[in-house]
Each structure stands twice: as C-alpha cells, then as structure tokens.
Amino acid sequence: MKALDKNEYTEYDVCRVFNEIILSHLDGYSGKKKQQLKSFLEDLQKGGYISGMIGEFVYHIDCRAFYIRHLEDLEGIKNVLEEAFGEPVANRYKLPHYTFLCWLCFEEYCYTIYRNYFE
C-alpha cells in the first residue's frame, strides 16, 4: 500500500512490523483500502493506544517482548522525536518504559502516515 511508504521512519526495520499490524486491522473498516486506512488512523488518533484498539500491545508482557526485539529502532524513533521537540518525551501515564515506547513509536508512525498521505 503506497501510503505506508510515505513516512520518514521507513529507515527503521520496525516499520515493516508496524505496517503488518496496520494492515491486519483494516478489515474491520468499510470502504476501499485507502478509506479503511484513513478510518483506522483517525480512530487511533482519537483513542490512542490507551484505548486498547491494538491488541498486539495491550499487555505489558507483549510490549516487553516487542521492545526487546526492536529496542534500537524504538529508541531511535524516540530520539528523533525528542530532537524535534527539543525536550524529552513525557511518559505521562507512568507506563513501563517498554510499553510507553511501543505506544509512542507506533502512534507517531501512524500519525506521520496520516499527515503525509491524507492531509
């Protein structure tokens, strides 16, 4: 899907996994693939990970395993964000670091797709 290629984070291998997660959730939305993707991304922007809409990262144990597999990429994406903001990204829900980074990086990745492809 062309929209998934429009992202400044594609240099990170974890983005291929993020794309697989996104694509696995589109069937729950109506319309053609482009509309399904837009609806999915809008739902994620409204509810965020905290809503539990991404089953792959509901449990801390799953986030921990994912973080260990993709540690360098997730920390890299966080560092890019902190450089852009000029300050550390706050873990306002006081989540375990690995859960926080899974949520943060996936949401940022999805937001970037939306911004680059639908805005």
PDB file of N, CA and C in Angstrom:
ATOM      1  N   MET A   1       0.853  -1.175   0.000  1.00  0.00           N
ATOM      2  CA  MET A   1       0.000   0.000   0.000  1.00  0.00           C
ATOM      3  C   MET A   1       0.896   1.234   0.000  1.00  0.00           C
ATOM      4  N   LYS A   2       0.669   2.088  -0.974  1.00  0.00           N
ATOM      5  CA  LYS A   2       1.526   3.254  -1.209  1.00  0.00           C
ATOM      6  C   LYS A   2       1.610   4.188   0.006  1.00  0.00           C
ATOM      7  N   ALA A   3       0.530   4.358   0.721  1.00  0.00           N
ATOM      8  CA  ALA A   3       0.512   5.286   1.851  1.00  0.00           C
ATOM      9  C   ALA A   3       1.504   4.884   2.937  1.00  0.00           C
ATOM     10  N   LEU A   4       1.730   3.606   3.091  1.00  0.00           N
ATOM     11  CA  LEU A   4       2.632   3.135   4.140  1.00  0.00           C
ATOM     12  C   LEU A   4       4.092   3.434   3.826  1.00  0.00           C
ATOM     13  N   ASP A   5       4.367   3.780   2.587  1.00  0.00           N
ATOM     14  CA  ASP A   5       5.725   4.137   2.194  1.00  0.00           C
ATOM     15  C   ASP A   5       6.019   5.621   2.409  1.00  0.00           C
ATOM     16  N   LYS A   6       5.006   6.416   2.708  1.00  0.00           N
ATOM     17  CA  LYS A   6       5.168   7.863   2.864  1.00  0.00           C
ATOM     18  C   LYS A   6       5.416   8.189   4.332  1.00  0.00           C
ATOM     19  N   ASN A   7       6.641   7.918   4.763  1.00  0.00           N
ATOM     20  CA  ASN A   7       6.949   8.080   6.168  1.00  0.00           C
ATOM     21  C   ASN A   7       8.442   8.285   6.345  1.00  0.00           C
ATOM     22  N   GLU A   8       8.817   9.237   7.173  1.00  0.00           N
ATOM     23  CA  GLU A   8      10.242   9.481   7.393  1.00  0.00           C
ATOM     24  C   GLU A   8      10.905   8.433   8.277  1.00  0.00           C
ATOM     25  N   TYR A   9      10.123   7.493   8.796  1.00  0.00           N
ATOM     26  CA  TYR A   9      10.688   6.462   9.664  1.00  0.00           C
ATOM     27  C   TYR A   9      10.945   5.144   8.935  1.00  0.00           C
ATOM     28  N   THR A  10      10.773   5.109   7.634  1.00  0.00           N
ATOM     29  CA  THR A  10      10.915   3.847   6.898  1.00  0.00           C
ATOM     30  C   THR A  10      12.330   3.270   6.967  1.00  0.00           C
ATOM     31  N   GLU A  11      13.298   4.050   7.387  1.00  0.00           N
ATOM     32  CA  GLU A  11      14.667   3.525   7.542  1.00  0.00           C
ATOM     33  C   GLU A  11      14.763   2.529   8.695  1.00  0.00           C
ATOM     34  N   TYR A  12      13.793   2.550   9.592  1.00  0.00           N
ATOM     35  CA  TYR A  12      13.791   1.644  10.735  1.00  0.00           C
ATOM     36  C   TYR A  12      13.083   0.342  10.374  1.00  0.00           C
ATOM     37  N   ASP A  13      13.733  -0.778  10.647  1.00  0.00           N
ATOM     38  CA  ASP A  13      13.151  -2.085  10.331  1.00  0.00           C
ATOM     39  C   ASP A  13      11.824  -2.323  11.047  1.00  0.00           C
ATOM     40  N   VAL A  14      11.644  -1.752  12.208  1.00  0.00           N
ATOM     41  CA  VAL A  14      10.407  -1.949  12.966  1.00  0.00           C
ATOM     42  C   VAL A  14       9.187  -1.461  12.188  1.00  0.00           C
ATOM     43  N   CYS A  15       9.394  -0.582  11.240  1.00  0.00           N
ATOM     44  CA  CYS A  15       8.279  -0.047  10.459  1.00  0.00           C
ATOM     45  C   CYS A  15       7.614  -1.123   9.606  1.00  0.00           C
ATOM     46  N   ARG A  16       8.369  -2.110   9.175  1.00  0.00           N
ATOM     47  CA  ARG A  16       7.755  -3.228   8.443  1.00  0.00           C
ATOM     48  C   ARG A  16       6.766  -3.966   9.343  1.00  0.00           C
ATOM     49  N   VAL A  17       7.132  -4.124  10.595  1.00  0.00           N
ATOM     50  CA  VAL A  17       6.236  -4.781  11.551  1.00  0.00           C
ATOM     51  C   VAL A  17       5.034  -3.886  11.833  1.00  0.00           C
ATOM     52  N   PHE A  18       5.265  -2.593  11.989  1.00  0.00           N
ATOM     53  CA  PHE A  18       4.153  -1.652  12.162  1.00  0.00           C
ATOM     54  C   PHE A  18       3.190  -1.748  10.983  1.00  0.00           C
ATOM     55  N   ASN A  19       3.717  -1.837   9.764  1.00  0.00           N
ATOM     56  CA  ASN A  19       2.852  -1.952   8.586  1.00  0.00           C
ATOM     57  C   ASN A  19       2.013  -3.226   8.640  1.00  0.00           C
ATOM     58  N   GLU A  20       2.617  -4.322   9.063  1.00  0.00           N
ATOM     59  CA  GLU A  20       1.872  -5.579   9.191  1.00  0.00           C
ATOM     60  C   GLU A  20       0.733  -5.433  10.202  1.00  0.00           C
ATOM     61  N   ILE A  21       1.002  -4.767  11.312  1.00  0.00           N
ATOM     62  CA  ILE A  21      -0.026  -4.551  12.335  1.00  0.00           C
ATOM     63  C   ILE A  21      -1.153  -3.693  11.756  1.00  0.00           C
ATOM     64  N   ILE A  22      -0.794  -2.624  11.085  1.00  0.00           N
ATOM     65  CA  ILE A  22      -1.807  -1.740  10.484  1.00  0.00           C
ATOM     66  C   ILE A  22      -2.676  -2.527   9.513  1.00  0.00           C
ATOM     67  N   LEU A  23      -2.047  -3.233   8.600  1.00  0.00           N
ATOM     68  CA  LEU A  23      -2.788  -3.972   7.574  1.00  0.00           C
ATOM     69  C   LEU A  23      -3.692  -5.038   8.184  1.00  0.00           C
ATOM     70  N   SER A  24      -3.273  -5.634   9.288  1.00  0.00           N
ATOM     71  CA  SER A  24      -4.086  -6.675   9.923  1.00  0.00           C
ATOM     72  C   SER A  24      -5.355  -6.119  10.567  1.00  0.00           C
ATOM     73  N   HIS A  25      -5.417  -4.806  10.774  1.00  0.00           N
ATOM     74  CA  HIS A  25      -6.581  -4.186  11.411  1.00  0.00           C
ATOM     75  C   HIS A  25      -7.548  -3.533  10.422  1.00  0.00           C
ATOM     76  N   LEU A  26      -7.201  -3.479   9.171  1.00  0.00           N
ATOM     77  CA  LEU A  26      -8.023  -2.740   8.207  1.00  0.00           C
ATOM     78  C   LEU A  26      -9.332  -3.433   7.852  1.00  0.00           C
ATOM     79  N   ASP A  27      -9.383  -4.742   7.957  1.00  0.00           N
ATOM     80  CA  ASP A  27     -10.603  -5.457   7.579  1.00  0.00           C
ATOM     81  C   ASP A  27     -11.811  -5.048   8.422  1.00  0.00           C
ATOM     82  N   GLY A  28     -11.590  -4.488   9.583  1.00  0.00           N
ATOM     83  CA  GLY A  28     -12.679  -4.043  10.435  1.00  0.00           C
ATOM     84  C   GLY A  28     -13.304  -2.726  10.003  1.00  0.00           C
ATOM     85  N   TYR A  29     -12.815  -2.172   8.917  1.00  0.00           N
ATOM     86  CA  TYR A  29     -13.298  -0.883   8.426  1.00  0.00           C
ATOM     87  C   TYR A  29     -13.889  -1.054   7.036  1.00  0.00           C
ATOM     88  N   SER A  30     -14.896  -0.248   6.731  1.00  0.00           N
ATOM     89  CA  SER A  30     -15.551  -0.351   5.428  1.00  0.00           C
ATOM     90  C   SER A  30     -14.854   0.529   4.397  1.00  0.00           C
ATOM     91  N   GLY A  31     -15.143   0.238   3.141  1.00  0.00           N
ATOM     92  CA  GLY A  31     -14.585   1.009   2.040  1.00  0.00           C
ATOM     93  C   GLY A  31     -13.399   0.315   1.407  1.00  0.00           C
ATOM     94  N   LYS A  32     -12.788   1.017   0.458  1.00  0.00           N
ATOM     95  CA  LYS A  32     -11.581   0.505  -0.194  1.00  0.00           C
ATOM     96  C   LYS A  32     -10.408   0.677   0.755  1.00  0.00           C
ATOM     97  N   LYS A  33      -9.287   0.077   0.426  1.00  0.00           N
ATOM     98  CA  LYS A  33      -8.115   0.077   1.320  1.00  0.00           C
ATOM     99  C   LYS A  33      -7.727   1.483   1.785  1.00  0.00           C
ATOM    100  N   LYS A  34      -7.750   2.447   0.885  1.00  0.00           N
ATOM    101  CA  LYS A  34      -7.364   3.813   1.253  1.00  0.00           C
ATOM    102  C   LYS A  34      -8.307   4.361   2.322  1.00  0.00           C
ATOM    103  N   GLN A  35      -9.613   4.161   2.169  1.00  0.00           N
ATOM    104  CA  GLN A  35     -10.579   4.638   3.157  1.00  0.00           C
ATOM    105  C   GLN A  35     -10.462   3.855   4.461  1.00  0.00           C
ATOM    106  N   GLN A  36     -10.201   2.558   4.358  1.00  0.00           N
ATOM    107  CA  GLN A  36     -10.010   1.752   5.557  1.00  0.00           C
ATOM    108  C   GLN A  36      -8.812   2.268   6.355  1.00  0.00           C
ATOM    109  N   LEU A  37      -7.724   2.542   5.662  1.00  0.00           N
ATOM    110  CA  LEU A  37      -6.524   3.050   6.323  1.00  0.00           C
ATOM    111  C   LEU A  37      -6.806   4.397   6.979  1.00  0.00           C
ATOM    112  N   LYS A  38      -7.463   5.276   6.268  1.00  0.00           N
ATOM    113  CA  LYS A  38      -7.780   6.599   6.822  1.00  0.00           C
ATOM    114  C   LYS A  38      -8.636   6.460   8.079  1.00  0.00           C
ATOM    115  N   SER A  39      -9.648   5.619   8.042  1.00  0.00           N
ATOM    116  CA  SER A  39     -10.529   5.422   9.200  1.00  0.00           C
ATOM    117  C   SER A  39      -9.758   4.834  10.378  1.00  0.00           C
ATOM    118  N   PHE A  40      -8.903   3.856  10.100  1.00  0.00           N
ATOM    119  CA  PHE A  40      -8.085   3.258  11.154  1.00  0.00           C
ATOM    120  C   PHE A  40      -7.198   4.308  11.809  1.00  0.00           C
ATOM    121  N   LEU A  41      -6.504   5.089  10.993  1.00  0.00           N
ATOM    122  CA  LEU A  41      -5.598   6.108  11.522  1.00  0.00           C
ATOM    123  C   LEU A  41      -6.350   7.172  12.310  1.00  0.00           C
ATOM    124  N   GLU A  42      -7.533   7.532  11.859  1.00  0.00           N
ATOM    125  CA  GLU A  42      -8.339   8.514  12.593  1.00  0.00           C
ATOM    126  C   GLU A  42      -8.800   7.949  13.929  1.00  0.00           C
ATOM    127  N   ASP A  43      -9.199   6.687  13.955  1.00  0.00           N
ATOM    128  CA  ASP A  43      -9.576   6.055  15.225  1.00  0.00           C
ATOM    129  C   ASP A  43      -8.407   6.032  16.193  1.00  0.00           C
ATOM    130  N   LEU A  44      -7.227   5.716  15.689  1.00  0.00           N
ATOM    131  CA  LEU A  44      -6.045   5.679  16.547  1.00  0.00           C
ATOM    132  C   LEU A  44      -5.740   7.071  17.093  1.00  0.00           C
ATOM    133  N   GLN A  45      -5.909   8.094  16.260  1.00  0.00           N
ATOM    134  CA  GLN A  45      -5.661   9.460  16.722  1.00  0.00           C
ATOM    135  C   GLN A  45      -6.656   9.872  17.796  1.00  0.00           C
ATOM    136  N   LYS A  46      -7.888   9.420  17.676  1.00  0.00           N
ATOM    137  CA  LYS A  46      -8.923   9.778  18.662  1.00  0.00           C
ATOM    138  C   LYS A  46      -8.722   9.050  19.980  1.00  0.00           C
ATOM    139  N   GLY A  47      -8.521   7.732  19.916  1.00  0.00           N
ATOM    140  CA  GLY A  47      -8.460   6.938  21.133  1.00  0.00           C
ATOM    141  C   GLY A  47      -7.065   6.606  21.606  1.00  0.00           C
ATOM    142  N   GLY A  48      -6.127   6.538  20.690  1.00  0.00           N
ATOM    143  CA  GLY A  48      -4.764   6.193  21.040  1.00  0.00           C
ATOM    144  C   GLY A  48      -4.653   4.762  21.547  1.00  0.00           C
ATOM    145  N   TYR A  49      -3.435   4.400  21.829  1.00  0.00           N
ATOM    146  CA  TYR A  49      -3.174   3.058  22.343  1.00  0.00           C
ATOM    147  C   TYR A  49      -3.885   2.802  23.648  1.00  0.00           C
ATOM    148  N   ILE A  50      -4.038   3.822  24.431  1.00  0.00           N
ATOM    149  CA  ILE A  50      -4.662   3.675  25.747  1.00  0.00           C
ATOM    150  C   ILE A  50      -6.060   3.068  25.624  1.00  0.00           C
ATOM    151  N   SER A  51      -6.662   3.202  24.438  1.00  0.00           N
ATOM    152  CA  SER A  51      -7.997   2.653  24.214  1.00  0.00           C
ATOM    153  C   SER A  51      -7.978   1.132  24.065  1.00  0.00           C
ATOM    154  N   GLY A  52      -6.806   0.559  23.827  1.00  0.00           N
ATOM    155  CA  GLY A  52      -6.696  -0.887  23.664  1.00  0.00           C
ATOM    156  C   GLY A  52      -7.042  -1.380  22.271  1.00  0.00           C
ATOM    157  N   MET A  53      -7.118  -0.488  21.306  1.00  0.00           N
ATOM    158  CA  MET A  53      -7.531  -0.900  19.959  1.00  0.00           C
ATOM    159  C   MET A  53      -6.478  -1.718  19.221  1.00  0.00           C
ATOM    160  N   ILE A  54      -5.244  -1.715  19.683  1.00  0.00           N
ATOM    161  CA  ILE A  54      -4.187  -2.506  19.063  1.00  0.00           C
ATOM    162  C   ILE A  54      -3.854  -3.666  19.991  1.00  0.00           C
ATOM    163  N   GLY A  55      -4.426  -4.808  19.686  1.00  0.00           N
ATOM    164  CA  GLY A  55      -4.281  -5.985  20.545  1.00  0.00           C
ATOM    165  C   GLY A  55      -2.854  -6.445  20.731  1.00  0.00           C
ATOM    166  N   GLU A  56      -1.995  -6.160  19.779  1.00  0.00           N
ATOM    167  CA  GLU A  56      -0.597  -6.582  19.880  1.00  0.00           C
ATOM    168  C   GLU A  56       0.127  -5.926  21.048  1.00  0.00           C
ATOM    169  N   PHE A  57      -0.386  -4.797  21.529  1.00  0.00           N
ATOM    170  CA  PHE A  57       0.298  -4.072  22.595  1.00  0.00           C
ATOM    171  C   PHE A  57      -0.598  -3.791  23.805  1.00  0.00           C
ATOM    172  N   VAL A  58      -1.577  -4.637  24.038  1.00  0.00           N
ATOM    173  CA  VAL A  58      -2.458  -4.438  25.186  1.00  0.00           C
ATOM    174  C   VAL A  58      -1.749  -4.838  26.479  1.00  0.00           C
ATOM    175  N   TYR A  59      -1.011  -5.931  26.432  1.00  0.00           N
ATOM    176  CA  TYR A  59      -0.374  -6.463  27.642  1.00  0.00           C
ATOM    177  C   TYR A  59       1.084  -6.038  27.712  1.00  0.00           C
ATOM    178  N   HIS A  60       1.508  -5.696  28.922  1.00  0.00           N
ATOM    179  CA  HIS A  60       2.898  -5.272  29.117  1.00  0.00           C
ATOM    180  C   HIS A  60       3.884  -6.349  28.662  1.00  0.00           C
ATOM    181  N   ILE A  61       3.555  -7.598  28.891  1.00  0.00           N
ATOM    182  CA  ILE A  61       4.461  -8.688  28.512  1.00  0.00           C
ATOM    183  C   ILE A  61       4.692  -8.711  26.999  1.00  0.00           C
ATOM    184  N   ASP A  62       3.643  -8.417  26.224  1.00  0.00           N
ATOM    185  CA  ASP A  62       3.780  -8.358  24.767  1.00  0.00           C
ATOM    186  C   ASP A  62       4.629  -7.158  24.353  1.00  0.00           C
ATOM    187  N   CYS A  63       4.412  -6.037  25.016  1.00  0.00           N
ATOM    188  CA  CYS A  63       5.203  -4.831  24.728  1.00  0.00           C
ATOM    189  C   CYS A  63       6.671  -5.060  25.068  1.00  0.00           C
ATOM    190  N   ARG A  64       6.907  -5.742  26.170  1.00  0.00           N
ATOM    191  CA  ARG A  64       8.282  -6.013  26.592  1.00  0.00           C
ATOM    192  C   ARG A  64       9.011  -6.860  25.548  1.00  0.00           C
ATOM    193  N   ALA A  65       8.360  -7.912  25.083  1.00  0.00           N
ATOM    194  CA  ALA A  65       8.968  -8.777  24.072  1.00  0.00           C
ATOM    195  C   ALA A  65       9.217  -8.003  22.774  1.00  0.00           C
ATOM    196  N   PHE A  66       8.263  -7.182  22.373  1.00  0.00           N
ATOM    197  CA  PHE A  66       8.401  -6.380  21.158  1.00  0.00           C
ATOM    198  C   PHE A  66       9.548  -5.385  21.320  1.00  0.00           C
ATOM    199  N   TYR A  67       9.603  -4.743  22.474  1.00  0.00           N
ATOM    200  CA  TYR A  67      10.659  -3.762  22.748  1.00  0.00           C
ATOM    201  C   TYR A  67      12.035  -4.415  22.681  1.00  0.00           C
ATOM    202  N   ILE A  68      12.175  -5.580  23.256  1.00  0.00           N
ATOM    203  CA  ILE A  68      13.471  -6.268  23.247  1.00  0.00           C
ATOM    204  C   ILE A  68      13.890  -6.590  21.811  1.00  0.00           C
ATOM    205  N   ARG A  69      12.943  -7.031  20.981  1.00  0.00           N
ATOM    206  CA  ARG A  69      13.250  -7.360  19.577  1.00  0.00           C
ATOM    207  C   ARG A  69      13.610  -6.115  18.757  1.00  0.00           C
ATOM    208  N   HIS A  70      13.020  -4.971  19.109  1.00  0.00           N
ATOM    209  CA  HIS A  70      13.173  -3.766  18.271  1.00  0.00           C
ATOM    210  C   HIS A  70      13.728  -2.585  19.064  1.00  0.00           C
ATOM    211  N   LEU A  71      14.479  -2.859  20.077  1.00  0.00           N
ATOM    212  CA  LEU A  71      14.983  -1.849  21.006  1.00  0.00           C
ATOM    213  C   LEU A  71      15.684  -0.687  20.302  1.00  0.00           C
ATOM    214  N   GLU A  72      16.612  -0.971  19.434  1.00  0.00           N
ATOM    215  CA  GLU A  72      17.379   0.109  18.795  1.00  0.00           C
ATOM    216  C   GLU A  72      16.486   1.001  17.941  1.00  0.00           C
ATOM    217  N   ASP A  73      15.559   0.407  17.206  1.00  0.00           N
ATOM    218  CA  ASP A  73      14.664   1.208  16.368  1.00  0.00           C
ATOM    219  C   ASP A  73      13.726   2.063  17.209  1.00  0.00           C
ATOM    220  N   LEU A  74      13.140   1.484  18.243  1.00  0.00           N
ATOM    221  CA  LEU A  74      12.198   2.234  19.084  1.00  0.00           C
ATOM    222  C   LEU A  74      12.909   3.381  19.794  1.00  0.00           C
ATOM    223  N   GLU A  75      14.081   3.116  20.320  1.00  0.00           N
ATOM    224  CA  GLU A  75      14.848   4.184  20.977  1.00  0.00           C
ATOM    225  C   GLU A  75      15.269   5.239  19.946  1.00  0.00           C
ATOM    226  N   GLY A  76      15.574   4.814  18.733  1.00  0.00           N
ATOM    227  CA  GLY A  76      15.939   5.749  17.678  1.00  0.00           C
ATOM    228  C   GLY A  76      14.800   6.676  17.311  1.00  0.00           C
ATOM    229  N   ILE A  77      13.605   6.123  17.181  1.00  0.00           N
ATOM    230  CA  ILE A  77      12.429   6.946  16.871  1.00  0.00           C
ATOM    231  C   ILE A  77      12.156   7.930  18.003  1.00  0.00           C
ATOM    232  N   LYS A  78      12.279   7.464  19.240  1.00  0.00           N
ATOM    233  CA  LYS A  78      12.092   8.353  20.396  1.00  0.00           C
ATOM    234  C   LYS A  78      13.109   9.492  20.357  1.00  0.00           C
ATOM    235  N   ASN A  79      14.347   9.178  20.028  1.00  0.00           N
ATOM    236  CA  ASN A  79      15.389  10.214  19.964  1.00  0.00           C
ATOM    237  C   ASN A  79      15.100  11.241  18.879  1.00  0.00           C
ATOM    238  N   VAL A  80      14.599  10.790  17.734  1.00  0.00           N
ATOM    239  CA  VAL A  80      14.224  11.714  16.655  1.00  0.00           C
ATOM    240  C   VAL A  80      13.128  12.654  17.144  1.00  0.00           C
ATOM    241  N   LEU A  81      12.146  12.106  17.842  1.00  0.00           N
ATOM    242  CA  LEU A  81      11.057  12.936  18.373  1.00  0.00           C
ATOM    243  C   LEU A  81      11.577  13.951  19.383  1.00  0.00           C
ATOM    244  N   GLU A  82      12.434  13.498  20.279  1.00  0.00           N
ATOM    245  CA  GLU A  82      12.963  14.414  21.296  1.00  0.00           C
ATOM    246  C   GLU A  82      13.802  15.522  20.672  1.00  0.00           C
ATOM    247  N   GLU A  83      14.550  15.194  19.634  1.00  0.00           N
ATOM    248  CA  GLU A  83      15.311  16.231  18.933  1.00  0.00           C
ATOM    249  C   GLU A  83      14.371  17.229  18.268  1.00  0.00           C
ATOM    250  N   ALA A  84      13.290  16.731  17.685  1.00  0.00           N
ATOM    251  CA  ALA A  84      12.327  17.618  17.022  1.00  0.00           C
ATOM    252  C   ALA A  84      11.616  18.520  18.026  1.00  0.00           C
ATOM    253  N   PHE A  85      11.279  17.969  19.184  1.00  0.00           N
ATOM    254  CA  PHE A  85      10.573  18.741  20.214  1.00  0.00           C
ATOM    255  C   PHE A  85      11.519  19.611  21.030  1.00  0.00           C
ATOM    256  N   GLY A  86      12.789  19.244  21.080  1.00  0.00           N
ATOM    257  CA  GLY A  86      13.748  19.984  21.886  1.00  0.00           C
ATOM    258  C   GLY A  86      13.650  19.683  23.365  1.00  0.00           C
ATOM    259  N   GLU A  87      12.989  18.585  23.699  1.00  0.00           N
ATOM    260  CA  GLU A  87      12.842  18.177  25.096  1.00  0.00           C
ATOM    261  C   GLU A  87      12.465  16.702  25.150  1.00  0.00           C
ATOM    262  N   PRO A  88      12.640  16.075  26.319  1.00  0.00           N
ATOM    263  CA  PRO A  88      12.273  14.660  26.448  1.00  0.00           C
ATOM    264  C   PRO A  88      10.770  14.452  26.267  1.00  0.00           C
ATOM    265  N   VAL A  89      10.424  13.307  25.719  1.00  0.00           N
ATOM    266  CA  VAL A  89       9.013  12.935  25.577  1.00  0.00           C
ATOM    267  C   VAL A  89       8.549  12.389  26.925  1.00  0.00           C
ATOM    268  N   ALA A  90       7.466  12.946  27.441  1.00  0.00           N
ATOM    269  CA  ALA A  90       6.994  12.583  28.779  1.00  0.00           C
ATOM    270  C   ALA A  90       6.146  11.315  28.755  1.00  0.00           C
ATOM    271  N   ASN A  91       6.395  10.448  29.709  1.00  0.00           N
ATOM    272  CA  ASN A  91       5.614   9.240  29.920  1.00  0.00           C
ATOM    273  C   ASN A  91       4.535   9.583  30.953  1.00  0.00           C
ATOM    274  N   ARG A  92       3.519  10.305  30.522  1.00  0.00           N
ATOM    275  CA  ARG A  92       2.538  10.877  31.447  1.00  0.00           C
ATOM    276  C   ARG A  92       1.656   9.847  32.132  1.00  0.00           C
ATOM    277  N   TYR A  93       1.536   8.645  31.574  1.00  0.00           N
ATOM    278  CA  TYR A  93       0.727   7.609  32.226  1.00  0.00           C
ATOM    279  C   TYR A  93       1.575   6.720  33.137  1.00  0.00           C
ATOM    280  N   LYS A  94       2.868   7.021  33.231  1.00  0.00           N
ATOM    281  CA  LYS A  94       3.804   6.274  34.073  1.00  0.00           C
ATOM    282  C   LYS A  94       3.801   4.781  33.731  1.00  0.00           C
ATOM    283  N   LEU A  95       3.773   4.501  32.430  1.00  0.00           N
ATOM    284  CA  LEU A  95       3.813   3.126  31.932  1.00  0.00           C
ATOM    285  C   LEU A  95       5.226   2.569  32.044  1.00  0.00           C
ATOM    286  N   PRO A  96       5.358   1.250  32.033  1.00  0.00           N
ATOM    287  CA  PRO A  96       6.720   0.711  31.904  1.00  0.00           C
ATOM    288  C   PRO A  96       7.346   1.275  30.623  1.00  0.00           C
ATOM    289  N   HIS A  97       8.639   1.506  30.663  1.00  0.00           N
ATOM    290  CA  HIS A  97       9.329   2.140  29.533  1.00  0.00           C
ATOM    291  C   HIS A  97       9.059   1.413  28.225  1.00  0.00           C
ATOM    292  N   TYR A  98       9.097   0.093  28.247  1.00  0.00           N
ATOM    293  CA  TYR A  98       8.904  -0.681  27.008  1.00  0.00           C
ATOM    294  C   TYR A  98       7.500  -0.509  26.456  1.00  0.00           C
ATOM    295  N   THR A  99       6.487  -0.453  27.306  1.00  0.00           N
ATOM    296  CA  THR A  99       5.116  -0.231  26.833  1.00  0.00           C
ATOM    297  C   THR A  99       4.983   1.180  26.286  1.00  0.00           C
ATOM    298  N   PHE A 100       5.514   2.135  27.009  1.00  0.00           N
ATOM    299  CA  PHE A 100       5.472   3.525  26.571  1.00  0.00           C
ATOM    300  C   PHE A 100       6.093   3.689  25.182  1.00  0.00           C
ATOM    301  N   LEU A 101       7.243   3.080  24.964  1.00  0.00           N
ATOM    302  CA  LEU A 101       7.897   3.245  23.671  1.00  0.00           C
ATOM    303  C   LEU A 101       7.161   2.534  22.544  1.00  0.00           C
ATOM    304  N   CYS A 102       6.592   1.381  22.810  1.00  0.00           N
ATOM    305  CA  CYS A 102       5.782   0.712  21.778  1.00  0.00           C
ATOM    306  C   CYS A 102       4.627   1.610  21.364  1.00  0.00           C
ATOM    307  N   TRP A 103       3.920   2.141  22.339  1.00  0.00           N
ATOM    308  CA  TRP A 103       2.771   3.002  22.054  1.00  0.00           C
ATOM    309  C   TRP A 103       3.213   4.283  21.355  1.00  0.00           C
ATOM    310  N   LEU A 104       4.213   4.937  21.912  1.00  0.00           N
ATOM    311  CA  LEU A 104       4.696   6.204  21.366  1.00  0.00           C
ATOM    312  C   LEU A 104       5.134   6.057  19.908  1.00  0.00           C
ATOM    313  N   CYS A 105       5.958   5.075  19.643  1.00  0.00           N
ATOM    314  CA  CYS A 105       6.515   4.925  18.301  1.00  0.00           C
ATOM    315  C   CYS A 105       5.461   4.512  17.286  1.00  0.00           C
ATOM    316  N   PHE A 106       4.556   3.619  17.676  1.00  0.00           N
ATOM    317  CA  PHE A 106       3.511   3.214  16.736  1.00  0.00           C
ATOM    318  C   PHE A 106       2.571   4.380  16.447  1.00  0.00           C
ATOM    319  N   GLU A 107       2.175   5.103  17.475  1.00  0.00           N
ATOM    320  CA  GLU A 107       1.297   6.254  17.262  1.00  0.00           C
ATOM    321  C   GLU A 107       1.972   7.311  16.398  1.00  0.00           C
ATOM    322  N   GLU A 108       3.233   7.588  16.639  1.00  0.00           N
ATOM    323  CA  GLU A 108       3.959   8.572  15.839  1.00  0.00           C
ATOM    324  C   GLU A 108       4.066   8.102  14.395  1.00  0.00           C
ATOM    325  N   TYR A 109       4.358   6.839  14.203  1.00  0.00           N
ATOM    326  CA  TYR A 109       4.454   6.281  12.857  1.00  0.00           C
ATOM    327  C   TYR A 109       3.131   6.449  12.118  1.00  0.00           C
ATOM    328  N   CYS A 110       2.046   6.101  12.789  1.00  0.00           N
ATOM    329  CA  CYS A 110       0.713   6.213  12.176  1.00  0.00           C
ATOM    330  C   CYS A 110       0.338   7.668  11.916  1.00  0.00           C
ATOM    331  N   TYR A 111       0.643   8.543  12.852  1.00  0.00           N
ATOM    332  CA  TYR A 111       0.340   9.959  12.663  1.00  0.00           C
ATOM    333  C   TYR A 111       1.097  10.512  11.459  1.00  0.00           C
ATOM    334  N   THR A 112       2.331  10.096  11.296  1.00  0.00           N
ATOM    335  CA  THR A 112       3.137  10.568  10.171  1.00  0.00           C
ATOM    336  C   THR A 112       2.551  10.094   8.844  1.00  0.00           C
ATOM    337  N   ILE A 113       2.078   8.860   8.799  1.00  0.00           N
ATOM    338  CA  ILE A 113       1.413   8.370   7.585  1.00  0.00           C
ATOM    339  C   ILE A 113       0.198   9.229   7.283  1.00  0.00           C
ATOM    340  N   TYR A 114      -0.611   9.482   8.302  1.00  0.00           N
ATOM    341  CA  TYR A 114      -1.820  10.276   8.101  1.00  0.00           C
ATOM    342  C   TYR A 114      -1.480  11.678   7.593  1.00  0.00           C
ATOM    343  N   ARG A 115      -0.547  12.302   8.257  1.00  0.00           N
ATOM    344  CA  ARG A 115      -0.149  13.671   7.898  1.00  0.00           C
ATOM    345  C   ARG A 115       0.411  13.726   6.466  1.00  0.00           C
ATOM    346  N   ASN A 116       1.220  12.768   6.101  1.00  0.00           N
ATOM    347  CA  ASN A 116       1.854  12.781   4.775  1.00  0.00           C
ATOM    348  C   ASN A 116       0.919  12.348   3.652  1.00  0.00           C
ATOM    349  N   TYR A 117      -0.075  11.534   3.952  1.00  0.00           N
ATOM    350  CA  TYR A 117      -0.891  10.966   2.892  1.00  0.00           C
ATOM    351  C   TYR A 117      -2.317  11.529   2.829  1.00  0.00           C
ATOM    352  N   PHE A 118      -2.851  11.917   3.976  1.00  0.00           N
ATOM    353  CA  PHE A 118      -4.255  12.341   3.992  1.00  0.00           C
ATOM    354  C   PHE A 118      -4.478  13.821   4.259  1.00  0.00           C
ATOM    355  N   GLU A 119      -3.482  14.537   4.704  1.00  0.00           N
ATOM    356  CA  GLU A 119      -3.672  15.965   4.962  1.00  0.00           C
ATOM    357  C   GLU A 119      -3.243  16.808   3.788  1.00  0.00           C
TER     358      GLU A 119
END
